[in-house]
Amino acid sequence: MPVRLALVEDRPEVRRLLAERLGFFDDVELVLAADSAERLFDRLDLLGAPPEIVLMDIELPGMDGIAATAYLKADHPSIEVLMLTVFEDEERIFAAVKAGASGYLLKDASAGRIVGAVLEVARGGAPVSPLVAKKLLGYVRGDDSESDDLNITTREREVLDLIVEGLIEEAIADRLCISPHTVRGHIKNLYEKLQVHSRAEVVRAAYERRLVR
């Protein structure tokens, strides 16, 4: 079954182009395209089945994408949000993450990259573009006292760094020269210590607790 998507983009030409490009992929189905957050919320309950993931622009008329993400997650916590934006600044990135976004891509990403990110979010991932990952890792620098209190090991911190960078389990295993099974064990430990249930929540916790160095 394809992943059901909604798209929120106020510029008609960008919205139309994204819709056309997404239509080439069988893995996703665009069920709703809206020009504002308000229009999204008006039409959301009219759908037979809600979208699983919303592609959300940040700069929107009326309610902006960050506020819309927080509102959407409060009312529909099962719907994931993937931000699509031209902005790379840290404040917007982390405001979006804190609001509940599961991923953050720049609009110049290819359609294939966007679909790949959608599928990663559907599997519980937290994709970000390489530039955004650098900013995330550059901003989230914390003292060691918090991780000491949580008993996060050196290896778990390494895994946490790579999760924030957007790597999947197999890539983390390759980078650290350990098995995917071992990576999954470290991720499970991080879930328990941070009291989270998904990779997206791990990223949010890393930001809020300033754990990544």
N, C-alpha and C. Protein backbone atom coordinates (compact mmCIF):
# COMPACT_ATOMS: atom_id res chain seq x y z
N MET A 1 0.83 -1.20 0.00
CA MET A 1 0.00 0.00 0.00
C MET A 1 0.87 1.26 0.00
N PRO A 2 0.56 2.21 -0.87
CA PRO A 2 1.35 3.46 -0.88
C PRO A 2 1.10 4.28 0.38
N VAL A 3 2.09 5.08 0.74
CA VAL A 3 1.96 5.98 1.88
C VAL A 3 1.09 7.17 1.48
N ARG A 4 0.07 7.44 2.28
CA ARG A 4 -0.86 8.53 1.97
C ARG A 4 -0.25 9.86 2.42
N LEU A 5 -0.21 10.82 1.47
CA LEU A 5 0.43 12.11 1.73
C LEU A 5 -0.55 13.26 1.60
N ALA A 6 -0.27 14.31 2.38
CA ALA A 6 -0.90 15.62 2.16
C ALA A 6 0.24 16.61 1.95
N LEU A 7 -0.01 17.61 1.13
CA LEU A 7 0.98 18.63 0.82
C LEU A 7 0.41 20.00 1.17
N VAL A 8 1.18 20.79 1.92
CA VAL A 8 0.78 22.16 2.25
C VAL A 8 1.84 23.10 1.70
N GLU A 9 1.50 23.84 0.65
CA GLU A 9 2.41 24.75 -0.04
C GLU A 9 1.59 25.88 -0.64
N ASP A 10 1.93 27.12 -0.29
CA ASP A 10 1.09 28.23 -0.72
C ASP A 10 1.35 28.69 -2.15
N ARG A 11 2.53 28.41 -2.70
CA ARG A 11 2.83 28.85 -4.06
C ARG A 11 2.28 27.84 -5.07
N PRO A 12 1.33 28.26 -5.92
CA PRO A 12 0.65 27.32 -6.82
C PRO A 12 1.61 26.56 -7.73
N GLU A 13 2.62 27.25 -8.26
CA GLU A 13 3.52 26.58 -9.20
C GLU A 13 4.37 25.53 -8.50
N VAL A 14 4.79 25.81 -7.27
CA VAL A 14 5.58 24.83 -6.51
C VAL A 14 4.70 23.66 -6.11
N ARG A 15 3.48 23.95 -5.67
CA ARG A 15 2.55 22.90 -5.27
C ARG A 15 2.24 21.98 -6.45
N ARG A 16 2.00 22.57 -7.60
CA ARG A 16 1.69 21.80 -8.80
C ARG A 16 2.89 20.94 -9.23
N LEU A 17 4.09 21.52 -9.19
CA LEU A 17 5.28 20.79 -9.59
C LEU A 17 5.55 19.62 -8.66
N LEU A 18 5.44 19.84 -7.35
CA LEU A 18 5.64 18.75 -6.40
C LEU A 18 4.61 17.65 -6.59
N ALA A 19 3.36 18.04 -6.81
CA ALA A 19 2.30 17.05 -7.02
C ALA A 19 2.58 16.20 -8.26
N GLU A 20 3.03 16.86 -9.33
CA GLU A 20 3.34 16.13 -10.57
C GLU A 20 4.49 15.16 -10.36
N ARG A 21 5.53 15.62 -9.67
CA ARG A 21 6.70 14.76 -9.45
C ARG A 21 6.39 13.58 -8.55
N LEU A 22 5.60 13.83 -7.51
CA LEU A 22 5.23 12.74 -6.61
C LEU A 22 4.37 11.70 -7.31
N GLY A 23 3.63 12.14 -8.33
CA GLY A 23 2.76 11.23 -9.07
C GLY A 23 3.50 10.15 -9.84
N PHE A 24 4.81 10.33 -10.04
CA PHE A 24 5.60 9.32 -10.76
C PHE A 24 6.00 8.15 -9.88
N PHE A 25 5.73 8.23 -8.59
CA PHE A 25 6.18 7.21 -7.65
C PHE A 25 4.99 6.41 -7.12
N ASP A 26 5.08 5.08 -7.26
CA ASP A 26 4.00 4.21 -6.80
C ASP A 26 3.98 4.03 -5.29
N ASP A 27 5.08 4.41 -4.62
CA ASP A 27 5.18 4.19 -3.18
C ASP A 27 4.39 5.21 -2.37
N VAL A 28 3.95 6.30 -3.02
CA VAL A 28 3.22 7.34 -2.31
C VAL A 28 1.95 7.71 -3.08
N GLU A 29 0.97 8.21 -2.35
CA GLU A 29 -0.29 8.67 -2.94
C GLU A 29 -0.63 10.03 -2.33
N LEU A 30 -0.69 11.05 -3.16
CA LEU A 30 -1.05 12.38 -2.69
C LEU A 30 -2.56 12.49 -2.62
N VAL A 31 -3.10 12.56 -1.42
CA VAL A 31 -4.55 12.56 -1.23
C VAL A 31 -5.11 13.95 -0.97
N LEU A 32 -4.22 14.92 -0.71
CA LEU A 32 -4.68 16.27 -0.40
C LEU A 32 -3.55 17.26 -0.66
N ALA A 33 -3.85 18.33 -1.36
CA ALA A 33 -2.91 19.43 -1.56
C ALA A 33 -3.61 20.72 -1.15
N ALA A 34 -3.02 21.46 -0.23
CA ALA A 34 -3.65 22.66 0.30
C ALA A 34 -2.68 23.84 0.20
N ASP A 35 -3.26 25.05 0.10
CA ASP A 35 -2.42 26.24 -0.02
C ASP A 35 -2.20 26.95 1.32
N SER A 36 -2.75 26.40 2.39
CA SER A 36 -2.55 26.99 3.72
C SER A 36 -2.83 25.93 4.78
N ALA A 37 -2.35 26.20 5.98
CA ALA A 37 -2.61 25.28 7.09
C ALA A 37 -4.10 25.23 7.40
N GLU A 38 -4.74 26.40 7.33
CA GLU A 38 -6.17 26.45 7.62
C GLU A 38 -6.96 25.58 6.64
N ARG A 39 -6.57 25.63 5.36
CA ARG A 39 -7.26 24.80 4.35
C ARG A 39 -7.01 23.31 4.61
N LEU A 40 -5.81 23.00 5.05
CA LEU A 40 -5.50 21.61 5.41
C LEU A 40 -6.45 21.12 6.49
N PHE A 41 -6.59 21.90 7.58
CA PHE A 41 -7.41 21.47 8.69
C PHE A 41 -8.89 21.41 8.30
N ASP A 42 -9.33 22.31 7.42
CA ASP A 42 -10.73 22.30 6.97
C ASP A 42 -11.05 21.03 6.19
N ARG A 43 -10.08 20.54 5.43
CA ARG A 43 -10.32 19.41 4.54
C ARG A 43 -9.91 18.06 5.13
N LEU A 44 -9.14 18.11 6.20
CA LEU A 44 -8.58 16.88 6.74
C LEU A 44 -9.66 15.89 7.16
N ASP A 45 -10.67 16.38 7.87
CA ASP A 45 -11.71 15.48 8.37
C ASP A 45 -12.69 15.04 7.30
N LEU A 46 -12.59 15.63 6.10
CA LEU A 46 -13.46 15.23 5.01
C LEU A 46 -12.93 14.02 4.25
N LEU A 47 -11.68 13.69 4.49
CA LEU A 47 -11.07 12.55 3.83
C LEU A 47 -11.59 11.25 4.44
N GLY A 48 -11.72 10.23 3.61
CA GLY A 48 -12.14 8.94 4.13
C GLY A 48 -11.14 8.37 5.12
N ALA A 49 -9.86 8.52 4.78
CA ALA A 49 -8.78 8.10 5.68
C ALA A 49 -7.75 9.23 5.69
N PRO A 50 -7.24 9.58 6.85
CA PRO A 50 -6.32 10.71 6.93
C PRO A 50 -4.97 10.37 6.28
N PRO A 51 -4.22 11.38 5.90
CA PRO A 51 -2.86 11.11 5.40
C PRO A 51 -1.99 10.58 6.52
N GLU A 52 -1.00 9.81 6.14
CA GLU A 52 -0.05 9.31 7.13
C GLU A 52 1.06 10.33 7.39
N ILE A 53 1.38 11.10 6.35
CA ILE A 53 2.47 12.08 6.43
C ILE A 53 2.04 13.36 5.72
N VAL A 54 2.36 14.48 6.33
CA VAL A 54 2.10 15.79 5.71
C VAL A 54 3.43 16.43 5.34
N LEU A 55 3.56 16.81 4.07
CA LEU A 55 4.70 17.61 3.63
C LEU A 55 4.33 19.06 3.87
N MET A 56 5.03 19.71 4.77
CA MET A 56 4.62 21.02 5.28
C MET A 56 5.66 22.10 4.94
N ASP A 57 5.22 23.16 4.27
CA ASP A 57 6.07 24.32 4.08
C ASP A 57 6.10 25.11 5.38
N ILE A 58 7.19 25.84 5.63
CA ILE A 58 7.26 26.65 6.84
C ILE A 58 6.61 28.00 6.64
N GLU A 59 6.95 28.67 5.55
CA GLU A 59 6.47 30.03 5.31
C GLU A 59 5.11 29.97 4.64
N LEU A 60 4.04 30.09 5.42
CA LEU A 60 2.68 30.00 4.91
C LEU A 60 1.89 31.25 5.29
N PRO A 61 0.90 31.60 4.50
CA PRO A 61 0.02 32.71 4.90
C PRO A 61 -0.84 32.29 6.08
N GLY A 62 -1.15 33.22 6.97
CA GLY A 62 -1.92 32.85 8.15
C GLY A 62 -1.04 32.08 9.12
N MET A 63 -1.50 30.92 9.55
CA MET A 63 -0.72 30.07 10.45
C MET A 63 0.50 29.54 9.73
N ASP A 64 1.69 29.74 10.29
CA ASP A 64 2.89 29.24 9.62
C ASP A 64 3.05 27.74 9.84
N GLY A 65 4.01 27.16 9.12
CA GLY A 65 4.16 25.71 9.15
C GLY A 65 4.56 25.15 10.50
N ILE A 66 5.32 25.91 11.27
CA ILE A 66 5.74 25.44 12.59
C ILE A 66 4.55 25.38 13.54
N ALA A 67 3.77 26.46 13.57
CA ALA A 67 2.57 26.46 14.42
C ALA A 67 1.59 25.40 13.95
N ALA A 68 1.47 25.24 12.62
CA ALA A 68 0.55 24.23 12.08
C ALA A 68 0.98 22.82 12.47
N THR A 69 2.29 22.59 12.51
CA THR A 69 2.80 21.27 12.91
C THR A 69 2.43 20.97 14.35
N ALA A 70 2.63 21.93 15.23
CA ALA A 70 2.28 21.73 16.64
C ALA A 70 0.78 21.48 16.80
N TYR A 71 -0.03 22.25 16.08
CA TYR A 71 -1.49 22.10 16.14
C TYR A 71 -1.90 20.73 15.61
N LEU A 72 -1.31 20.33 14.48
CA LEU A 72 -1.65 19.04 13.87
C LEU A 72 -1.27 17.88 14.79
N LYS A 73 -0.08 17.94 15.38
CA LYS A 73 0.37 16.85 16.24
C LYS A 73 -0.47 16.76 17.52
N ALA A 74 -1.01 17.88 17.97
CA ALA A 74 -1.86 17.86 19.16
C ALA A 74 -3.18 17.16 18.87
N ASP A 75 -3.73 17.41 17.68
CA ASP A 75 -5.03 16.84 17.32
C ASP A 75 -4.93 15.47 16.65
N HIS A 76 -3.84 15.27 15.92
CA HIS A 76 -3.66 14.01 15.17
C HIS A 76 -2.23 13.51 15.38
N PRO A 77 -1.93 12.99 16.57
CA PRO A 77 -0.55 12.59 16.88
C PRO A 77 0.01 11.50 15.99
N SER A 78 -0.85 10.72 15.35
CA SER A 78 -0.36 9.64 14.49
C SER A 78 0.11 10.15 13.14
N ILE A 79 -0.26 11.36 12.75
CA ILE A 79 0.17 11.92 11.47
C ILE A 79 1.56 12.51 11.63
N GLU A 80 2.49 12.07 10.78
CA GLU A 80 3.85 12.59 10.83
C GLU A 80 3.98 13.81 9.91
N VAL A 81 4.93 14.67 10.22
CA VAL A 81 5.14 15.89 9.43
C VAL A 81 6.58 15.92 8.94
N LEU A 82 6.73 16.14 7.64
CA LEU A 82 8.04 16.31 7.03
C LEU A 82 8.11 17.72 6.48
N MET A 83 9.00 18.53 7.04
CA MET A 83 9.10 19.92 6.62
C MET A 83 9.84 20.03 5.29
N LEU A 84 9.30 20.83 4.38
CA LEU A 84 9.96 21.15 3.11
C LEU A 84 10.11 22.67 3.06
N THR A 85 11.33 23.16 2.99
CA THR A 85 11.52 24.59 3.12
C THR A 85 12.79 25.05 2.44
N VAL A 86 12.89 26.34 2.21
CA VAL A 86 14.12 26.94 1.68
C VAL A 86 15.00 27.44 2.81
N PHE A 87 14.50 27.40 4.04
CA PHE A 87 15.24 27.96 5.17
C PHE A 87 16.17 26.92 5.79
N GLU A 88 17.38 27.38 6.14
CA GLU A 88 18.37 26.49 6.75
C GLU A 88 18.78 26.95 8.14
N ASP A 89 18.21 28.07 8.63
CA ASP A 89 18.70 28.61 9.89
C ASP A 89 18.29 27.74 11.07
N GLU A 90 19.17 27.72 12.08
CA GLU A 90 19.01 26.81 13.20
C GLU A 90 17.70 27.03 13.96
N GLU A 91 17.32 28.30 14.14
CA GLU A 91 16.12 28.57 14.93
C GLU A 91 14.89 27.93 14.30
N ARG A 92 14.75 28.06 12.99
CA ARG A 92 13.60 27.45 12.31
C ARG A 92 13.67 25.93 12.36
N ILE A 93 14.88 25.38 12.15
CA ILE A 93 15.04 23.93 12.18
C ILE A 93 14.58 23.38 13.53
N PHE A 94 15.07 23.96 14.60
CA PHE A 94 14.78 23.40 15.92
C PHE A 94 13.38 23.74 16.39
N ALA A 95 12.85 24.86 15.94
CA ALA A 95 11.46 25.15 16.25
C ALA A 95 10.56 24.11 15.60
N ALA A 96 10.89 23.71 14.37
CA ALA A 96 10.10 22.69 13.67
C ALA A 96 10.22 21.34 14.36
N VAL A 97 11.44 20.98 14.75
CA VAL A 97 11.66 19.71 15.46
C VAL A 97 10.90 19.70 16.78
N LYS A 98 10.98 20.81 17.50
CA LYS A 98 10.31 20.88 18.80
C LYS A 98 8.80 20.84 18.65
N ALA A 99 8.30 21.38 17.53
CA ALA A 99 6.86 21.37 17.28
C ALA A 99 6.34 19.98 16.96
N GLY A 100 7.26 19.07 16.59
CA GLY A 100 6.85 17.69 16.33
C GLY A 100 7.19 17.18 14.95
N ALA A 101 7.92 17.95 14.15
CA ALA A 101 8.29 17.48 12.81
C ALA A 101 9.20 16.26 12.91
N SER A 102 8.99 15.31 12.01
CA SER A 102 9.79 14.08 12.01
C SER A 102 10.97 14.15 11.07
N GLY A 103 11.03 15.19 10.24
CA GLY A 103 12.14 15.33 9.31
C GLY A 103 12.13 16.73 8.73
N TYR A 104 13.24 17.10 8.09
CA TYR A 104 13.40 18.48 7.64
C TYR A 104 14.26 18.46 6.39
N LEU A 105 13.65 18.73 5.22
CA LEU A 105 14.36 18.73 3.94
C LEU A 105 14.26 20.09 3.28
N LEU A 106 15.29 20.42 2.51
CA LEU A 106 15.24 21.64 1.72
C LEU A 106 14.45 21.38 0.44
N LYS A 107 13.80 22.42 -0.07
CA LYS A 107 12.92 22.26 -1.23
C LYS A 107 13.66 21.88 -2.50
N ASP A 108 14.97 22.10 -2.54
CA ASP A 108 15.70 21.73 -3.75
C ASP A 108 16.03 20.23 -3.80
N ALA A 109 15.56 19.48 -2.80
CA ALA A 109 15.75 18.04 -2.82
C ALA A 109 15.00 17.44 -4.00
N SER A 110 15.55 16.40 -4.59
CA SER A 110 14.89 15.75 -5.71
C SER A 110 13.62 15.05 -5.25
N ALA A 111 12.74 14.76 -6.21
CA ALA A 111 11.51 14.04 -5.87
C ALA A 111 11.84 12.68 -5.28
N GLY A 112 12.87 12.04 -5.81
CA GLY A 112 13.27 10.74 -5.28
C GLY A 112 13.73 10.84 -3.84
N ARG A 113 14.46 11.91 -3.51
CA ARG A 113 14.92 12.12 -2.13
C ARG A 113 13.73 12.37 -1.22
N ILE A 114 12.76 13.14 -1.69
CA ILE A 114 11.58 13.43 -0.88
C ILE A 114 10.80 12.14 -0.61
N VAL A 115 10.61 11.34 -1.66
CA VAL A 115 9.88 10.07 -1.49
C VAL A 115 10.67 9.14 -0.56
N GLY A 116 12.00 9.11 -0.72
CA GLY A 116 12.81 8.30 0.18
C GLY A 116 12.66 8.74 1.63
N ALA A 117 12.60 10.06 1.83
CA ALA A 117 12.41 10.58 3.19
C ALA A 117 11.04 10.22 3.73
N VAL A 118 10.03 10.28 2.87
CA VAL A 118 8.67 9.90 3.27
C VAL A 118 8.65 8.45 3.74
N LEU A 119 9.28 7.57 2.97
CA LEU A 119 9.30 6.15 3.33
C LEU A 119 10.10 5.94 4.62
N GLU A 120 11.15 6.73 4.81
CA GLU A 120 11.93 6.61 6.04
C GLU A 120 11.10 7.05 7.25
N VAL A 121 10.35 8.14 7.09
CA VAL A 121 9.46 8.59 8.18
C VAL A 121 8.42 7.52 8.47
N ALA A 122 7.88 6.90 7.42
CA ALA A 122 6.87 5.86 7.60
C ALA A 122 7.44 4.67 8.38
N ARG A 123 8.75 4.46 8.30
CA ARG A 123 9.41 3.37 9.05
C ARG A 123 9.88 3.82 10.42
N GLY A 124 9.57 5.07 10.78
CA GLY A 124 9.97 5.56 12.08
C GLY A 124 11.26 6.35 12.08
N GLY A 125 11.77 6.68 10.88
CA GLY A 125 13.01 7.42 10.77
C GLY A 125 12.81 8.91 10.95
N ALA A 126 13.94 9.64 10.91
CA ALA A 126 13.91 11.10 11.06
C ALA A 126 14.87 11.71 10.05
N PRO A 127 14.50 11.74 8.78
CA PRO A 127 15.43 12.19 7.74
C PRO A 127 15.65 13.70 7.75
N VAL A 128 16.87 14.09 7.46
CA VAL A 128 17.20 15.50 7.27
C VAL A 128 18.17 15.60 6.10
N SER A 129 18.20 16.74 5.45
CA SER A 129 19.16 16.93 4.37
C SER A 129 20.55 17.08 4.97
N PRO A 130 21.61 16.81 4.19
CA PRO A 130 22.97 16.92 4.72
C PRO A 130 23.28 18.29 5.31
N LEU A 131 22.86 19.37 4.66
CA LEU A 131 23.13 20.71 5.18
C LEU A 131 22.42 20.93 6.52
N VAL A 132 21.17 20.47 6.60
CA VAL A 132 20.42 20.62 7.85
C VAL A 132 21.07 19.78 8.94
N ALA A 133 21.54 18.58 8.59
CA ALA A 133 22.19 17.71 9.58
C ALA A 133 23.42 18.40 10.16
N LYS A 134 24.19 19.07 9.30
CA LYS A 134 25.37 19.78 9.80
C LYS A 134 24.98 20.88 10.79
N LYS A 135 23.92 21.61 10.45
CA LYS A 135 23.47 22.68 11.35
C LYS A 135 22.95 22.09 12.66
N LEU A 136 22.24 20.97 12.54
CA LEU A 136 21.71 20.32 13.74
C LEU A 136 22.84 19.89 14.66
N LEU A 137 23.86 19.25 14.08
CA LEU A 137 24.97 18.78 14.88
C LEU A 137 25.82 19.94 15.40
N GLY A 138 25.86 21.03 14.64
CA GLY A 138 26.63 22.17 15.06
C GLY A 138 25.96 22.94 16.18
N TYR A 139 24.65 22.89 16.23
CA TYR A 139 23.89 23.65 17.22
C TYR A 139 23.70 22.88 18.52
N VAL A 140 23.42 21.60 18.38
CA VAL A 140 23.10 20.81 19.58
C VAL A 140 24.39 20.33 20.23
N ARG A 141 24.99 21.17 21.02
CA ARG A 141 26.22 20.85 21.75
C ARG A 141 25.90 21.01 23.23
N GLY A 142 26.09 19.97 24.00
CA GLY A 142 25.73 20.08 25.41
C GLY A 142 26.85 19.68 26.32
N ASP A 143 26.68 19.95 27.59
CA ASP A 143 27.66 19.47 28.55
C ASP A 143 27.38 18.01 28.83
N ASP A 144 28.35 17.35 29.43
CA ASP A 144 28.24 15.90 29.64
C ASP A 144 27.40 15.54 30.85
N SER A 145 27.01 16.49 31.67
CA SER A 145 26.32 16.16 32.91
C SER A 145 24.98 15.50 32.65
N GLU A 146 24.28 15.98 31.62
CA GLU A 146 22.96 15.41 31.32
C GLU A 146 23.08 13.96 30.91
N SER A 147 24.03 13.67 29.99
CA SER A 147 24.18 12.29 29.54
C SER A 147 24.72 11.41 30.66
N ASP A 148 25.55 11.99 31.54
CA ASP A 148 26.02 11.22 32.68
C ASP A 148 24.85 10.82 33.57
N ASP A 149 23.92 11.77 33.79
CA ASP A 149 22.75 11.48 34.62
C ASP A 149 21.90 10.38 33.99
N LEU A 150 21.88 10.33 32.66
CA LEU A 150 21.07 9.33 31.95
C LEU A 150 21.82 8.03 31.74
N ASN A 151 23.10 8.00 32.13
CA ASN A 151 23.94 6.80 31.94
C ASN A 151 24.07 6.42 30.47
N ILE A 152 24.17 7.43 29.60
CA ILE A 152 24.38 7.17 28.17
C ILE A 152 25.86 6.89 27.95
N THR A 153 26.16 5.74 27.35
CA THR A 153 27.55 5.34 27.15
C THR A 153 28.17 6.09 25.97
N THR A 154 29.49 5.98 25.85
CA THR A 154 30.19 6.63 24.74
C THR A 154 29.68 6.10 23.40
N ARG A 155 29.49 4.80 23.30
CA ARG A 155 29.01 4.22 22.04
C ARG A 155 27.58 4.67 21.75
N GLU A 156 26.76 4.74 22.77
CA GLU A 156 25.38 5.22 22.57
C GLU A 156 25.37 6.67 22.10
N ARG A 157 26.31 7.47 22.60
CA ARG A 157 26.40 8.86 22.13
C ARG A 157 26.81 8.90 20.67
N GLU A 158 27.69 8.01 20.26
CA GLU A 158 28.09 7.94 18.85
C GLU A 158 26.90 7.58 17.98
N VAL A 159 26.11 6.61 18.43
CA VAL A 159 24.91 6.22 17.69
C VAL A 159 23.92 7.39 17.65
N LEU A 160 23.78 8.08 18.77
CA LEU A 160 22.88 9.23 18.84
C LEU A 160 23.31 10.31 17.84
N ASP A 161 24.61 10.60 17.76
CA ASP A 161 25.12 11.56 16.78
C ASP A 161 24.67 11.20 15.37
N LEU A 162 24.78 9.92 15.03
CA LEU A 162 24.49 9.47 13.67
C LEU A 162 22.99 9.42 13.39
N ILE A 163 22.19 9.16 14.43
CA ILE A 163 20.75 9.24 14.26
C ILE A 163 20.35 10.68 13.93
N VAL A 164 20.91 11.62 14.68
CA VAL A 164 20.63 13.03 14.43
C VAL A 164 21.09 13.44 13.04
N GLU A 165 22.18 12.84 12.58
CA GLU A 165 22.70 13.13 11.24
C GLU A 165 21.78 12.58 10.15
N GLY A 166 20.87 11.67 10.53
CA GLY A 166 19.90 11.14 9.58
C GLY A 166 20.22 9.76 9.04
N LEU A 167 21.23 9.09 9.58
CA LEU A 167 21.62 7.78 9.07
C LEU A 167 20.67 6.69 9.55
N ILE A 168 20.44 5.70 8.68
CA ILE A 168 19.63 4.55 9.04
C ILE A 168 20.52 3.51 9.73
N GLU A 169 19.93 2.45 10.26
CA GLU A 169 20.67 1.49 11.07
C GLU A 169 21.87 0.90 10.33
N GLU A 170 21.66 0.49 9.07
CA GLU A 170 22.73 -0.14 8.31
C GLU A 170 23.90 0.82 8.10
N ALA A 171 23.58 2.10 7.83
CA ALA A 171 24.65 3.09 7.63
C ALA A 171 25.39 3.37 8.92
N ILE A 172 24.66 3.39 10.04
CA ILE A 172 25.30 3.57 11.34
C ILE A 172 26.25 2.41 11.62
N ALA A 173 25.81 1.20 11.31
CA ALA A 173 26.64 0.01 11.52
C ALA A 173 27.92 0.10 10.69
N ASP A 174 27.79 0.53 9.44
CA ASP A 174 28.97 0.67 8.57
C ASP A 174 29.92 1.73 9.11
N ARG A 175 29.36 2.85 9.54
CA ARG A 175 30.19 3.96 10.02
C ARG A 175 30.97 3.56 11.28
N LEU A 176 30.31 2.80 12.17
CA LEU A 176 30.94 2.46 13.45
C LEU A 176 31.61 1.08 13.43
N CYS A 177 31.52 0.39 12.27
CA CYS A 177 32.12 -0.95 12.12
C CYS A 177 31.58 -1.94 13.16
N ILE A 178 30.26 -1.90 13.33
CA ILE A 178 29.59 -2.85 14.20
C ILE A 178 28.41 -3.43 13.43
N SER A 179 27.75 -4.44 13.99
CA SER A 179 26.65 -5.08 13.28
C SER A 179 25.35 -4.28 13.44
N PRO A 180 24.43 -4.40 12.45
CA PRO A 180 23.12 -3.75 12.59
C PRO A 180 22.40 -4.20 13.85
N HIS A 181 22.59 -5.47 14.23
CA HIS A 181 21.96 -5.98 15.45
C HIS A 181 22.46 -5.20 16.67
N THR A 182 23.75 -4.93 16.72
CA THR A 182 24.32 -4.15 17.82
C THR A 182 23.78 -2.73 17.81
N VAL A 183 23.65 -2.16 16.61
CA VAL A 183 23.08 -0.80 16.50
C VAL A 183 21.67 -0.78 17.06
N ARG A 184 20.87 -1.77 16.69
CA ARG A 184 19.49 -1.83 17.18
C ARG A 184 19.47 -1.92 18.70
N GLY A 185 20.42 -2.63 19.28
CA GLY A 185 20.51 -2.72 20.74
C GLY A 185 20.80 -1.37 21.37
N HIS A 186 21.73 -0.63 20.77
CA HIS A 186 22.04 0.71 21.28
C HIS A 186 20.84 1.65 21.14
N ILE A 187 20.14 1.56 20.01
CA ILE A 187 18.96 2.41 19.80
C ILE A 187 17.88 2.07 20.83
N LYS A 188 17.69 0.78 21.09
CA LYS A 188 16.72 0.38 22.11
C LYS A 188 17.08 0.97 23.46
N ASN A 189 18.38 0.94 23.80
CA ASN A 189 18.83 1.52 25.07
C ASN A 189 18.57 3.02 25.12
N LEU A 190 18.81 3.70 24.00
CA LEU A 190 18.56 5.14 23.94
C LEU A 190 17.08 5.44 24.12
N TYR A 191 16.22 4.63 23.49
CA TYR A 191 14.78 4.81 23.66
C TYR A 191 14.41 4.74 25.14
N GLU A 192 14.95 3.74 25.81
CA GLU A 192 14.61 3.54 27.23
C GLU A 192 15.15 4.68 28.08
N LYS A 193 16.39 5.08 27.86
CA LYS A 193 17.00 6.11 28.69
C LYS A 193 16.39 7.49 28.44
N LEU A 194 16.02 7.76 27.19
CA LEU A 194 15.42 9.05 26.86
C LEU A 194 13.91 9.03 26.99
N GLN A 195 13.34 7.84 27.24
CA GLN A 195 11.88 7.66 27.37
C GLN A 195 11.16 8.14 26.12
N VAL A 196 11.61 7.62 24.97
CA VAL A 196 11.00 7.94 23.67
C VAL A 196 10.63 6.65 22.97
N HIS A 197 9.94 6.79 21.82
CA HIS A 197 9.45 5.60 21.13
C HIS A 197 9.74 5.60 19.63
N SER A 198 10.46 6.60 19.14
CA SER A 198 10.78 6.65 17.72
C SER A 198 12.05 7.44 17.50
N ARG A 199 12.63 7.29 16.31
CA ARG A 199 13.84 8.04 15.99
C ARG A 199 13.57 9.54 15.98
N ALA A 200 12.39 9.93 15.52
CA ALA A 200 12.05 11.36 15.51
C ALA A 200 12.07 11.92 16.93
N GLU A 201 11.55 11.15 17.89
CA GLU A 201 11.54 11.61 19.28
C GLU A 201 12.95 11.63 19.85
N VAL A 202 13.82 10.73 19.37
CA VAL A 202 15.22 10.75 19.80
C VAL A 202 15.86 12.07 19.38
N VAL A 203 15.60 12.49 18.13
CA VAL A 203 16.17 13.75 17.64
C VAL A 203 15.67 14.93 18.48
N ARG A 204 14.36 14.93 18.77
CA ARG A 204 13.81 16.01 19.58
C ARG A 204 14.44 16.02 20.97
N ALA A 205 14.60 14.83 21.56
CA ALA A 205 15.19 14.75 22.90
C ALA A 205 16.65 15.21 22.87
N ALA A 206 17.36 14.87 21.80
CA ALA A 206 18.76 15.30 21.68
C ALA A 206 18.84 16.82 21.63
N TYR A 207 17.90 17.44 20.92
CA TYR A 207 17.87 18.91 20.85
C TYR A 207 17.50 19.51 22.21
N GLU A 208 16.42 19.02 22.78
CA GLU A 208 15.92 19.63 24.01
C GLU A 208 16.89 19.46 25.17
N ARG A 209 17.59 18.32 25.21
CA ARG A 209 18.51 18.06 26.32
C ARG A 209 19.95 18.45 25.96
N ARG A 210 20.16 18.88 24.70
CA ARG A 210 21.47 19.30 24.22
C ARG A 210 22.52 18.20 24.48
N LEU A 211 22.22 17.01 23.94
CA LEU A 211 23.04 15.85 24.21
C LEU A 211 24.09 15.57 23.15
N VAL A 212 23.90 16.06 21.95
CA VAL A 212 24.78 15.67 20.85
C VAL A 212 25.98 16.59 20.80
N ARG A 213 27.14 16.03 20.58
CA ARG A 213 28.35 16.86 20.50
C ARG A 213 29.05 16.66 19.18
